[in-house]
């Protein structure tokens, strides 16, 4: 994520993925990566085999680049943000309506 996205805010993450991901260039699947027994993608039969053989557990991973393309940096629009003070005033004024939307 870019620095304007809070990775702990699911709404911001989904927004970045919907607006900044180019499926052809921004998504990579990494097949056959090591994983551990708590991984729910690994079938139970494989987990049982793991306890009796030294063969590691494997699962695929996906990498999603939800950043603005760096090669177009000079063309990026500036990120628009409210000041913390204006945000607080807005929430105080519209508290009841905004809570219903969130």
N, C-alpha and C. Protein backbone atom coordinates (compact mmCIF):
# COMPACT_ATOMS: atom_id res chain seq x y z
N UNK A 1 0.84 -1.18 0.00
CA UNK A 1 0.00 0.00 0.00
C UNK A 1 0.88 1.24 0.00
N UNK A 2 0.33 2.30 -0.55
CA UNK A 2 1.00 3.59 -0.48
C UNK A 2 0.84 4.16 0.93
N UNK A 3 1.61 5.21 1.22
CA UNK A 3 1.59 5.76 2.58
C UNK A 3 0.29 6.48 2.92
N UNK A 4 -0.57 6.73 1.93
CA UNK A 4 -1.85 7.37 2.22
C UNK A 4 -2.93 6.36 2.61
N UNK A 5 -2.60 5.07 2.62
CA UNK A 5 -3.55 4.02 2.97
C UNK A 5 -3.15 3.40 4.30
N UNK A 6 -4.10 3.33 5.22
CA UNK A 6 -3.87 2.67 6.51
C UNK A 6 -4.11 1.18 6.31
N UNK A 7 -3.07 0.34 6.39
CA UNK A 7 -3.26 -1.09 6.14
C UNK A 7 -4.14 -1.78 7.17
N UNK A 8 -4.44 -1.13 8.28
CA UNK A 8 -5.31 -1.71 9.29
C UNK A 8 -6.77 -1.28 9.12
N UNK A 9 -7.02 -0.42 8.14
CA UNK A 9 -8.38 0.06 7.86
C UNK A 9 -8.89 -0.68 6.63
N UNK A 10 -9.78 -1.63 6.83
CA UNK A 10 -10.26 -2.48 5.74
C UNK A 10 -10.91 -1.68 4.61
N UNK A 11 -11.65 -0.63 4.95
CA UNK A 11 -12.28 0.19 3.91
C UNK A 11 -11.23 0.83 3.00
N UNK A 12 -10.15 1.34 3.58
CA UNK A 12 -9.09 1.96 2.79
C UNK A 12 -8.37 0.92 1.94
N UNK A 13 -8.14 -0.26 2.50
CA UNK A 13 -7.45 -1.33 1.76
C UNK A 13 -8.30 -1.76 0.56
N UNK A 14 -9.59 -1.97 0.78
CA UNK A 14 -10.48 -2.38 -0.32
C UNK A 14 -10.54 -1.28 -1.38
N UNK A 15 -10.60 -0.02 -0.95
CA UNK A 15 -10.63 1.09 -1.90
C UNK A 15 -9.35 1.09 -2.74
N UNK A 16 -8.20 0.93 -2.11
CA UNK A 16 -6.93 0.91 -2.85
C UNK A 16 -6.89 -0.25 -3.83
N UNK A 17 -7.39 -1.41 -3.40
CA UNK A 17 -7.39 -2.56 -4.30
C UNK A 17 -8.34 -2.34 -5.48
N UNK A 18 -9.45 -1.67 -5.24
CA UNK A 18 -10.42 -1.44 -6.31
C UNK A 18 -9.97 -0.35 -7.28
N UNK A 19 -9.17 0.59 -6.81
CA UNK A 19 -8.81 1.73 -7.66
C UNK A 19 -7.36 1.71 -8.15
N UNK A 20 -6.49 0.94 -7.52
CA UNK A 20 -5.06 1.00 -7.87
C UNK A 20 -4.48 -0.30 -8.40
N UNK A 21 -5.25 -1.36 -8.39
CA UNK A 21 -4.73 -2.66 -8.85
C UNK A 21 -5.05 -2.85 -10.32
N UNK A 22 -4.02 -3.10 -11.09
CA UNK A 22 -4.18 -3.49 -12.50
C UNK A 22 -4.04 -5.01 -12.51
N UNK A 23 -5.12 -5.75 -12.72
CA UNK A 23 -5.06 -7.22 -12.60
C UNK A 23 -3.96 -7.87 -13.44
N UNK A 24 -3.66 -7.29 -14.58
CA UNK A 24 -2.64 -7.89 -15.44
C UNK A 24 -1.23 -7.68 -14.91
N UNK A 25 -0.97 -6.52 -14.30
CA UNK A 25 0.38 -6.19 -13.87
C UNK A 25 0.59 -6.22 -12.37
N UNK A 26 -0.48 -6.15 -11.58
CA UNK A 26 -0.35 -5.97 -10.13
C UNK A 26 -0.59 -7.22 -9.31
N UNK A 27 -0.94 -8.33 -9.94
CA UNK A 27 -1.26 -9.54 -9.20
C UNK A 27 -0.32 -10.66 -9.64
N UNK A 28 0.31 -11.31 -8.67
CA UNK A 28 1.17 -12.45 -8.96
C UNK A 28 0.79 -13.60 -8.05
N UNK A 29 0.77 -14.79 -8.59
CA UNK A 29 0.52 -15.99 -7.80
C UNK A 29 1.85 -16.70 -7.62
N UNK A 30 2.17 -16.97 -6.37
CA UNK A 30 3.41 -17.67 -6.05
C UNK A 30 3.06 -19.10 -5.68
N UNK A 31 3.26 -20.03 -6.60
CA UNK A 31 2.87 -21.42 -6.32
C UNK A 31 3.89 -22.11 -5.42
N UNK A 32 3.40 -23.06 -4.69
CA UNK A 32 4.24 -23.99 -3.95
C UNK A 32 5.18 -23.30 -2.96
N UNK A 33 4.60 -22.59 -2.00
CA UNK A 33 5.37 -21.92 -0.95
C UNK A 33 5.24 -22.72 0.34
N UNK A 34 6.28 -22.69 1.15
CA UNK A 34 6.22 -23.38 2.44
C UNK A 34 5.17 -22.73 3.34
N UNK A 35 4.52 -23.57 4.12
CA UNK A 35 3.53 -23.08 5.08
C UNK A 35 3.58 -23.97 6.31
N UNK A 36 2.73 -23.69 7.28
CA UNK A 36 2.72 -24.47 8.51
C UNK A 36 1.40 -25.20 8.72
N UNK A 37 1.36 -26.03 9.73
CA UNK A 37 0.15 -26.83 9.97
C UNK A 37 -1.08 -26.01 10.36
N UNK A 38 -0.96 -24.81 10.92
CA UNK A 38 -2.18 -24.04 11.20
C UNK A 38 -2.87 -23.50 9.95
N UNK A 39 -2.22 -23.57 8.79
CA UNK A 39 -2.77 -23.02 7.55
C UNK A 39 -4.04 -23.79 7.16
N UNK A 40 -5.22 -23.12 7.10
CA UNK A 40 -6.47 -23.82 6.79
C UNK A 40 -6.57 -24.29 5.34
N UNK A 41 -5.68 -23.82 4.46
CA UNK A 41 -5.73 -24.24 3.06
C UNK A 41 -5.15 -25.63 2.85
N UNK A 42 -4.39 -26.11 3.82
CA UNK A 42 -3.77 -27.42 3.67
C UNK A 42 -4.76 -28.49 4.13
N UNK A 43 -5.06 -29.48 3.29
CA UNK A 43 -6.00 -30.53 3.68
C UNK A 43 -5.51 -31.29 4.91
N UNK A 44 -6.45 -31.75 5.70
CA UNK A 44 -6.12 -32.46 6.93
C UNK A 44 -5.25 -33.69 6.65
N UNK A 45 -5.50 -34.39 5.54
CA UNK A 45 -4.70 -35.57 5.19
C UNK A 45 -3.22 -35.19 5.01
N UNK A 46 -2.98 -34.04 4.41
CA UNK A 46 -1.59 -33.58 4.22
C UNK A 46 -0.95 -33.25 5.57
N UNK A 47 -1.73 -32.66 6.47
CA UNK A 47 -1.20 -32.32 7.79
C UNK A 47 -0.82 -33.58 8.56
N UNK A 48 -1.64 -34.63 8.41
CA UNK A 48 -1.33 -35.88 9.10
C UNK A 48 -0.06 -36.50 8.54
N UNK A 49 0.14 -36.42 7.22
CA UNK A 49 1.37 -36.93 6.61
C UNK A 49 2.59 -36.18 7.12
N UNK A 50 2.41 -34.89 7.35
CA UNK A 50 3.52 -34.03 7.78
C UNK A 50 4.11 -34.49 9.11
N UNK A 51 3.25 -35.03 9.96
CA UNK A 51 3.74 -35.48 11.27
C UNK A 51 4.57 -36.75 11.18
N UNK A 52 4.42 -37.50 10.10
CA UNK A 52 5.16 -38.76 9.97
C UNK A 52 6.30 -38.69 8.96
N UNK A 53 6.31 -37.68 8.09
CA UNK A 53 7.39 -37.54 7.11
C UNK A 53 7.99 -36.14 7.20
N UNK A 54 9.25 -35.99 6.84
CA UNK A 54 9.87 -34.66 6.94
C UNK A 54 9.52 -33.71 5.78
N UNK A 55 8.66 -34.15 4.86
CA UNK A 55 8.28 -33.31 3.72
C UNK A 55 7.52 -32.07 4.22
N UNK A 56 7.96 -30.86 3.82
CA UNK A 56 7.28 -29.64 4.30
C UNK A 56 5.90 -29.47 3.69
N UNK A 57 5.02 -28.77 4.41
CA UNK A 57 3.69 -28.44 3.90
C UNK A 57 3.82 -27.28 2.93
N UNK A 58 3.05 -27.34 1.83
CA UNK A 58 3.15 -26.32 0.79
C UNK A 58 1.76 -25.77 0.45
N UNK A 59 1.71 -24.50 0.08
CA UNK A 59 0.48 -23.86 -0.37
C UNK A 59 0.87 -22.66 -1.24
N UNK A 60 -0.03 -22.24 -2.08
CA UNK A 60 0.24 -21.08 -2.94
C UNK A 60 -0.04 -19.80 -2.17
N UNK A 61 0.53 -18.72 -2.66
CA UNK A 61 0.32 -17.39 -2.09
C UNK A 61 -0.03 -16.45 -3.25
N UNK A 62 -0.68 -15.35 -2.91
CA UNK A 62 -0.96 -14.33 -3.91
C UNK A 62 -0.35 -13.02 -3.43
N UNK A 63 0.25 -12.29 -4.34
CA UNK A 63 0.83 -10.99 -4.06
C UNK A 63 0.04 -9.96 -4.85
N UNK A 64 -0.50 -8.97 -4.16
CA UNK A 64 -1.29 -7.92 -4.81
C UNK A 64 -0.62 -6.58 -4.54
N UNK A 65 -0.20 -5.92 -5.59
CA UNK A 65 0.42 -4.60 -5.47
C UNK A 65 -0.68 -3.56 -5.65
N UNK A 66 -1.10 -2.95 -4.55
CA UNK A 66 -2.18 -1.96 -4.60
C UNK A 66 -1.63 -0.55 -4.46
N UNK A 67 -0.46 -0.33 -5.05
CA UNK A 67 0.17 0.99 -5.03
C UNK A 67 -0.03 1.68 -6.38
N UNK A 68 0.02 2.99 -6.34
CA UNK A 68 -0.01 3.74 -7.59
C UNK A 68 1.26 3.40 -8.38
N UNK A 69 1.17 3.27 -9.70
CA UNK A 69 2.35 2.91 -10.49
C UNK A 69 3.43 3.98 -10.40
N UNK A 70 4.60 3.59 -9.95
CA UNK A 70 5.70 4.53 -9.74
C UNK A 70 6.13 5.19 -11.04
N UNK A 71 6.05 4.45 -12.16
CA UNK A 71 6.49 5.02 -13.44
C UNK A 71 5.61 6.20 -13.89
N UNK A 72 4.44 6.37 -13.25
CA UNK A 72 3.55 7.49 -13.56
C UNK A 72 3.51 8.51 -12.43
N UNK A 73 4.53 8.50 -11.59
CA UNK A 73 4.52 9.34 -10.38
C UNK A 73 4.27 10.82 -10.69
N UNK A 74 4.85 11.33 -11.76
CA UNK A 74 4.69 12.75 -12.09
C UNK A 74 3.26 13.09 -12.49
N UNK A 75 2.47 12.09 -12.85
CA UNK A 75 1.09 12.31 -13.29
C UNK A 75 0.07 12.06 -12.18
N UNK A 76 0.51 11.64 -11.00
CA UNK A 76 -0.43 11.33 -9.92
C UNK A 76 -1.18 12.58 -9.49
N UNK A 77 -2.44 12.37 -9.19
CA UNK A 77 -3.21 13.44 -8.59
C UNK A 77 -2.81 13.55 -7.13
N UNK A 78 -2.83 14.73 -6.56
CA UNK A 78 -2.51 14.83 -5.13
C UNK A 78 -3.59 14.12 -4.30
N UNK A 79 -3.19 13.56 -3.20
CA UNK A 79 -4.12 12.88 -2.31
C UNK A 79 -4.85 13.93 -1.50
N UNK A 80 -6.17 13.86 -1.51
CA UNK A 80 -6.99 14.83 -0.80
C UNK A 80 -7.34 14.28 0.59
N UNK A 81 -7.04 15.05 1.59
CA UNK A 81 -7.36 14.67 2.97
C UNK A 81 -7.88 15.87 3.74
N UNK A 82 -8.77 15.58 4.69
CA UNK A 82 -9.24 16.61 5.60
C UNK A 82 -8.22 16.77 6.71
N UNK A 83 -8.16 17.97 7.25
CA UNK A 83 -7.33 18.17 8.44
C UNK A 83 -8.01 17.44 9.61
N UNK A 84 -7.25 17.03 10.60
CA UNK A 84 -7.87 16.36 11.76
C UNK A 84 -8.94 17.23 12.42
N UNK A 85 -8.72 18.56 12.44
CA UNK A 85 -9.68 19.47 13.06
C UNK A 85 -11.01 19.48 12.30
N UNK A 86 -10.92 19.58 10.95
CA UNK A 86 -12.14 19.58 10.14
C UNK A 86 -12.85 18.24 10.24
N UNK A 87 -12.09 17.16 10.26
CA UNK A 87 -12.70 15.83 10.40
C UNK A 87 -13.48 15.73 11.71
N UNK A 88 -12.89 16.22 12.81
CA UNK A 88 -13.55 16.19 14.11
C UNK A 88 -14.82 17.03 14.09
N UNK A 89 -14.76 18.23 13.53
CA UNK A 89 -15.95 19.09 13.45
C UNK A 89 -17.05 18.44 12.62
N UNK A 90 -16.67 17.80 11.50
CA UNK A 90 -17.64 17.14 10.63
C UNK A 90 -18.32 16.01 11.38
N UNK A 91 -17.53 15.18 12.10
CA UNK A 91 -18.13 14.07 12.85
C UNK A 91 -19.01 14.58 13.98
N UNK A 92 -18.63 15.67 14.61
CA UNK A 92 -19.46 16.22 15.68
C UNK A 92 -20.81 16.70 15.11
N UNK A 93 -20.75 17.36 13.95
CA UNK A 93 -21.96 17.91 13.34
C UNK A 93 -22.88 16.83 12.79
N UNK A 94 -22.31 15.82 12.16
CA UNK A 94 -23.09 14.80 11.45
C UNK A 94 -23.00 13.42 12.10
N UNK A 95 -22.69 13.40 13.38
CA UNK A 95 -22.43 12.15 14.10
C UNK A 95 -23.52 11.09 13.89
N UNK A 96 -24.75 11.44 14.08
CA UNK A 96 -25.83 10.45 13.97
C UNK A 96 -25.95 9.85 12.58
N UNK A 97 -25.86 10.67 11.57
CA UNK A 97 -26.00 10.19 10.18
C UNK A 97 -24.78 9.37 9.77
N UNK A 98 -23.58 9.85 10.11
CA UNK A 98 -22.37 9.13 9.72
C UNK A 98 -22.25 7.77 10.40
N UNK A 99 -22.69 7.67 11.65
CA UNK A 99 -22.63 6.37 12.34
C UNK A 99 -23.51 5.34 11.65
N UNK A 100 -24.64 5.78 11.10
CA UNK A 100 -25.52 4.85 10.39
C UNK A 100 -24.86 4.34 9.10
N UNK A 101 -24.01 5.15 8.47
CA UNK A 101 -23.35 4.77 7.23
C UNK A 101 -22.18 3.83 7.47
N UNK A 102 -21.54 3.92 8.60
CA UNK A 102 -20.36 3.10 8.89
C UNK A 102 -20.73 1.81 9.49
